[in-house]
PDB file of N, CA and C in Angstrom:
ATOM      1  N   MET A   1      12.012  26.487  11.801  1.00  0.00           N
ATOM      2  CA  MET A   1      10.627  26.228  12.500  1.00  0.00           C
ATOM      3  C   MET A   1      11.116  25.151  13.537  1.00  0.00           C
ATOM      4  N   ARG A   2      11.043  25.003  14.745  1.00  0.00           N
ATOM      5  CA  ARG A   2      11.164  23.677  15.669  1.00  0.00           C
ATOM      6  C   ARG A   2      10.140  22.895  15.713  1.00  0.00           C
ATOM      7  N   LEU A   3      10.549  21.804  15.993  1.00  0.00           N
ATOM      8  CA  LEU A   3       9.730  20.310  15.728  1.00  0.00           C
ATOM      9  C   LEU A   3       8.329  20.574  16.831  1.00  0.00           C
ATOM     10  N   GLU A   4       8.928  20.908  17.834  1.00  0.00           N
ATOM     11  CA  GLU A   4       7.521  21.369  18.600  1.00  0.00           C
ATOM     12  C   GLU A   4       6.534  22.004  18.092  1.00  0.00           C
ATOM     13  N   GLU A   5       6.790  23.161  17.318  1.00  0.00           N
ATOM     14  CA  GLU A   5       5.782  24.021  16.637  1.00  0.00           C
ATOM     15  C   GLU A   5       4.990  23.083  15.869  1.00  0.00           C
ATOM     16  N   THR A   6       5.435  22.249  15.292  1.00  0.00           N
ATOM     17  CA  THR A   6       4.267  21.366  14.371  1.00  0.00           C
ATOM     18  C   THR A   6       3.365  20.168  15.209  1.00  0.00           C
ATOM     19  N   LEU A   7       3.573  20.137  16.440  1.00  0.00           N
ATOM     20  CA  LEU A   7       2.835  19.441  16.958  1.00  0.00           C
ATOM     21  C   LEU A   7       1.574  19.603  16.998  1.00  0.00           C
ATOM     22  N   GLY A   8       0.808  18.686  16.418  1.00  0.00           N
ATOM     23  CA  GLY A   8      -0.692  18.617  16.246  1.00  0.00           C
ATOM     24  C   GLY A   8      -0.967  19.317  14.651  1.00  0.00           C
ATOM     25  N   SER A   9      -0.119  19.383  13.891  1.00  0.00           N
ATOM     26  CA  SER A   9      -0.084  19.716  12.680  1.00  0.00           C
ATOM     27  C   SER A   9      -0.020  18.746  11.604  1.00  0.00           C
ATOM     28  N   GLU A  10      -0.274  19.029  10.285  1.00  0.00           N
ATOM     29  CA  GLU A  10       0.206  18.087   9.209  1.00  0.00           C
ATOM     30  C   GLU A  10       1.800  18.383   8.989  1.00  0.00           C
ATOM     31  N   VAL A  11       1.974  17.059   8.870  1.00  0.00           N
ATOM     32  CA  VAL A  11       3.621  17.154   8.524  1.00  0.00           C
ATOM     33  C   VAL A  11       3.608  15.738   7.279  1.00  0.00           C
ATOM     34  N   ASN A  12       4.967  16.204   6.757  1.00  0.00           N
ATOM     35  CA  ASN A  12       5.446  15.294   5.376  1.00  0.00           C
ATOM     36  C   ASN A  12       6.665  14.779   6.103  1.00  0.00           C
ATOM     37  N   VAL A  13       7.051  13.441   6.083  1.00  0.00           N
ATOM     38  CA  VAL A  13       8.019  12.871   6.742  1.00  0.00           C
ATOM     39  C   VAL A  13       8.795  11.933   5.469  1.00  0.00           C
ATOM     40  N   THR A  14      10.100  12.223   5.062  1.00  0.00           N
ATOM     41  CA  THR A  14      10.593  11.812   4.102  1.00  0.00           C
ATOM     42  C   THR A  14      11.727  10.563   5.029  1.00  0.00           C
ATOM     43  N   LEU A  15      11.817   9.574   4.297  1.00  0.00           N
ATOM     44  CA  LEU A  15      12.561   8.553   5.008  1.00  0.00           C
ATOM     45  C   LEU A  15      14.102   8.411   4.298  1.00  0.00           C
ATOM     46  N   LYS A  16      15.091   7.560   4.868  1.00  0.00           N
ATOM     47  CA  LYS A  16      16.122   7.365   3.763  1.00  0.00           C
ATOM     48  C   LYS A  16      15.622   6.494   2.662  1.00  0.00           C
ATOM     49  N   GLY A  17      14.927   5.593   2.629  1.00  0.00           N
ATOM     50  CA  GLY A  17      14.632   4.770   1.302  1.00  0.00           C
ATOM     51  C   GLY A  17      13.989   5.691   0.485  1.00  0.00           C
ATOM     52  N   GLY A  18      13.633   6.370   0.844  1.00  0.00           N
ATOM     53  CA  GLY A  18      12.536   7.539  -0.440  1.00  0.00           C
ATOM     54  C   GLY A  18      11.008   7.634   0.037  1.00  0.00           C
ATOM     55  N   GLU A  19      10.653   6.648   0.995  1.00  0.00           N
ATOM     56  CA  GLU A  19       9.467   6.377   1.575  1.00  0.00           C
ATOM     57  C   GLU A  19       8.921   7.872   2.020  1.00  0.00           C
ATOM     58  N   MET A  20       8.165   7.881   1.661  1.00  0.00           N
ATOM     59  CA  MET A  20       7.186   9.125   2.481  1.00  0.00           C
ATOM     60  C   MET A  20       6.027   9.210   3.086  1.00  0.00           C
ATOM     61  N   TYR A  21       5.610   9.757   4.237  1.00  0.00           N
ATOM     62  CA  TYR A  21       4.659   9.494   5.162  1.00  0.00           C
ATOM     63  C   TYR A  21       3.965  11.027   5.521  1.00  0.00           C
ATOM     64  N   ASP A  22       2.286  11.017   5.177  1.00  0.00           N
ATOM     65  CA  ASP A  22       1.870  12.201   5.421  1.00  0.00           C
ATOM     66  C   ASP A  22       1.177  12.055   6.731  1.00  0.00           C
ATOM     67  N   GLY A  23       0.579  12.898   7.531  1.00  0.00           N
ATOM     68  CA  GLY A  23      -0.283  12.840   8.767  1.00  0.00           C
ATOM     69  C   GLY A  23       0.089  14.132   9.684  1.00  0.00           C
ATOM     70  N   ILE A  24      -0.793  13.713  11.387  1.00  0.00           N
ATOM     71  CA  ILE A  24      -0.668  14.698  11.767  1.00  0.00           C
ATOM     72  C   ILE A  24       0.658  14.558  12.849  1.00  0.00           C
ATOM     73  N   LEU A  25       1.344  15.143  13.314  1.00  0.00           N
ATOM     74  CA  LEU A  25       2.409  14.738  14.579  1.00  0.00           C
ATOM     75  C   LEU A  25       1.967  15.142  15.683  1.00  0.00           C
ATOM     76  N   ALA A  26       1.949  13.724  16.219  1.00  0.00           N
ATOM     77  CA  ALA A  26       0.685  13.597  17.432  1.00  0.00           C
ATOM     78  C   ALA A  26       2.073  13.394  18.639  1.00  0.00           C
ATOM     79  N   GLY A  27       3.499  13.058  18.070  1.00  0.00           N
ATOM     80  CA  GLY A  27       4.450  13.167  19.429  1.00  0.00           C
ATOM     81  C   GLY A  27       5.774  12.585  18.874  1.00  0.00           C
ATOM     82  N   TYR A  28       6.881  13.090  19.718  1.00  0.00           N
ATOM     83  CA  TYR A  28       8.158  12.864  19.481  1.00  0.00           C
ATOM     84  C   TYR A  28       8.997  13.015  20.566  1.00  0.00           C
ATOM     85  N   ASP A  29      10.383  12.012  20.593  1.00  0.00           N
ATOM     86  CA  ASP A  29      10.946  11.966  21.826  1.00  0.00           C
ATOM     87  C   ASP A  29      12.435  12.466  21.334  1.00  0.00           C
ATOM     88  N   GLN A  30      13.387  12.465  22.269  1.00  0.00           N
ATOM     89  CA  GLN A  30      14.635  12.753  22.323  1.00  0.00           C
ATOM     90  C   GLN A  30      15.817  12.550  21.072  1.00  0.00           C
ATOM     91  N   HIS A  31      14.996  11.044  20.494  1.00  0.00           N
ATOM     92  CA  HIS A  31      15.708  10.338  19.461  1.00  0.00           C
ATOM     93  C   HIS A  31      15.059  10.646  17.931  1.00  0.00           C
ATOM     94  N   MET A  32      14.142  11.670  18.111  1.00  0.00           N
ATOM     95  CA  MET A  32      13.364  11.809  17.006  1.00  0.00           C
ATOM     96  C   MET A  32      12.689  10.904  16.357  1.00  0.00           C
ATOM     97  N   ASN A  33      12.321   9.851  17.313  1.00  0.00           N
ATOM     98  CA  ASN A  33      11.357   8.997  16.995  1.00  0.00           C
ATOM     99  C   ASN A  33       9.810   9.570  16.896  1.00  0.00           C
ATOM    100  N   LEU A  34       9.157   9.511  15.533  1.00  0.00           N
ATOM    101  CA  LEU A  34       8.085  10.045  15.528  1.00  0.00           C
ATOM    102  C   LEU A  34       6.810   9.334  15.526  1.00  0.00           C
ATOM    103  N   VAL A  35       5.718   9.918  16.100  1.00  0.00           N
ATOM    104  CA  VAL A  35       4.198   9.358  15.985  1.00  0.00           C
ATOM    105  C   VAL A  35       3.417  10.284  15.306  1.00  0.00           C
ATOM    106  N   LEU A  36       2.711   9.787  14.118  1.00  0.00           N
ATOM    107  CA  LEU A  36       2.117  10.259  12.976  1.00  0.00           C
ATOM    108  C   LEU A  36       0.444   9.658  12.952  1.00  0.00           C
ATOM    109  N   GLU A  37      -0.659  10.251  13.058  1.00  0.00           N
ATOM    110  CA  GLU A  37      -1.774  10.123  12.978  1.00  0.00           C
ATOM    111  C   GLU A  37      -2.506  10.278  11.663  1.00  0.00           C
ATOM    112  N   ASN A  38      -3.309   9.225  11.070  1.00  0.00           N
ATOM    113  CA  ASN A  38      -3.749   9.878  10.165  1.00  0.00           C
ATOM    114  C   ASN A  38      -5.123   9.322   9.794  1.00  0.00           C
ATOM    115  N   GLY A  39      -6.278   9.885   9.972  1.00  0.00           N
ATOM    116  CA  GLY A  39      -7.388   8.920  10.169  1.00  0.00           C
ATOM    117  C   GLY A  39      -7.499   7.958  11.531  1.00  0.00           C
ATOM    118  N   ASP A  40      -7.514   6.719  11.440  1.00  0.00           N
ATOM    119  CA  ASP A  40      -7.556   5.950  11.975  1.00  0.00           C
ATOM    120  C   ASP A  40      -6.253   4.830  12.450  1.00  0.00           C
ATOM    121  N   ASN A  41      -5.684   5.206  11.434  1.00  0.00           N
ATOM    122  CA  ASN A  41      -3.973   5.067  11.416  1.00  0.00           C
ATOM    123  C   ASN A  41      -2.939   5.510  12.186  1.00  0.00           C
ATOM    124  N   VAL A  42      -2.183   4.832  13.187  1.00  0.00           N
ATOM    125  CA  VAL A  42      -0.870   5.427  14.028  1.00  0.00           C
ATOM    126  C   VAL A  42       0.141   5.068  12.998  1.00  0.00           C
ATOM    127  N   THR A  43       1.273   5.765  13.030  1.00  0.00           N
ATOM    128  CA  THR A  43       2.195   5.245  12.132  1.00  0.00           C
ATOM    129  C   THR A  43       3.560   5.636  13.330  1.00  0.00           C
ATOM    130  N   ILE A  44       4.346   5.062  13.355  1.00  0.00           N
ATOM    131  CA  ILE A  44       5.744   5.048  14.768  1.00  0.00           C
ATOM    132  C   ILE A  44       6.958   4.832  13.733  1.00  0.00           C
ATOM    133  N   ILE A  45       7.701   6.115  13.182  1.00  0.00           N
ATOM    134  CA  ILE A  45       8.716   6.259  12.601  1.00  0.00           C
ATOM    135  C   ILE A  45      10.204   6.457  13.590  1.00  0.00           C
ATOM    136  N   ARG A  46      11.041   5.053  13.515  1.00  0.00           N
ATOM    137  CA  ARG A  46      12.135   5.544  14.257  1.00  0.00           C
ATOM    138  C   ARG A  46      13.167   6.971  13.939  1.00  0.00           C
ATOM    139  N   GLY A  47      13.574   7.656  14.655  1.00  0.00           N
ATOM    140  CA  GLY A  47      14.238   8.633  13.954  1.00  0.00           C
ATOM    141  C   GLY A  47      15.070   8.514  13.325  1.00  0.00           C
ATOM    142  N   ASP A  48      16.134   7.270  13.556  1.00  0.00           N
ATOM    143  CA  ASP A  48      17.193   7.114  12.857  1.00  0.00           C
ATOM    144  C   ASP A  48      17.013   6.969  11.220  1.00  0.00           C
ATOM    145  N   ASN A  49      16.017   6.675  10.546  1.00  0.00           N
ATOM    146  CA  ASN A  49      15.458   6.732   9.263  1.00  0.00           C
ATOM    147  C   ASN A  49      14.853   7.641   8.628  1.00  0.00           C
ATOM    148  N   VAL A  50      15.106   8.902   9.364  1.00  0.00           N
ATOM    149  CA  VAL A  50      14.448  10.235   9.141  1.00  0.00           C
ATOM    150  C   VAL A  50      15.076  11.317   8.158  1.00  0.00           C
ATOM    151  N   VAL A  51      14.912  11.760   6.831  1.00  0.00           N
ATOM    152  CA  VAL A  51      15.326  12.524   6.219  1.00  0.00           C
ATOM    153  C   VAL A  51      14.844  13.975   6.528  1.00  0.00           C
ATOM    154  N   SER A  52      13.933  13.968   6.421  1.00  0.00           N
ATOM    155  CA  SER A  52      13.803  15.549   6.613  1.00  0.00           C
ATOM    156  C   SER A  52      11.856  15.205   6.823  1.00  0.00           C
ATOM    157  N   ILE A  53      11.805  16.536   7.650  1.00  0.00           N
ATOM    158  CA  ILE A  53      10.076  16.761   8.052  1.00  0.00           C
ATOM    159  C   ILE A  53       9.528  18.031   7.702  1.00  0.00           C
ATOM    160  N   GLN A  54       8.427  17.907   6.821  1.00  0.00           N
ATOM    161  CA  GLN A  54       8.178  19.384   6.318  1.00  0.00           C
ATOM    162  C   GLN A  54       6.808  19.447   6.754  1.00  0.00           C
ATOM    163  N   PRO A  55       6.388  20.680   7.145  1.00  0.00           N
ATOM    164  CA  PRO A  55       4.909  21.422   7.625  1.00  0.00           C
ATOM    165  C   PRO A  55       4.069  21.191   6.416  1.00  0.00           C
TER     166      PRO A  55
END
């Protein structure tokens, strides 16, 4: 599955340190920096920390 196909969908992101984030994928860029929305919260994740993204 391509990353652009998950825009607007719920995703689970795992980071290098083992942390996990859930939310709606609101955006990303060419460096795979991610923007996740979860209710009133917006989380920005640097792409170099991402291990996996699962729908």
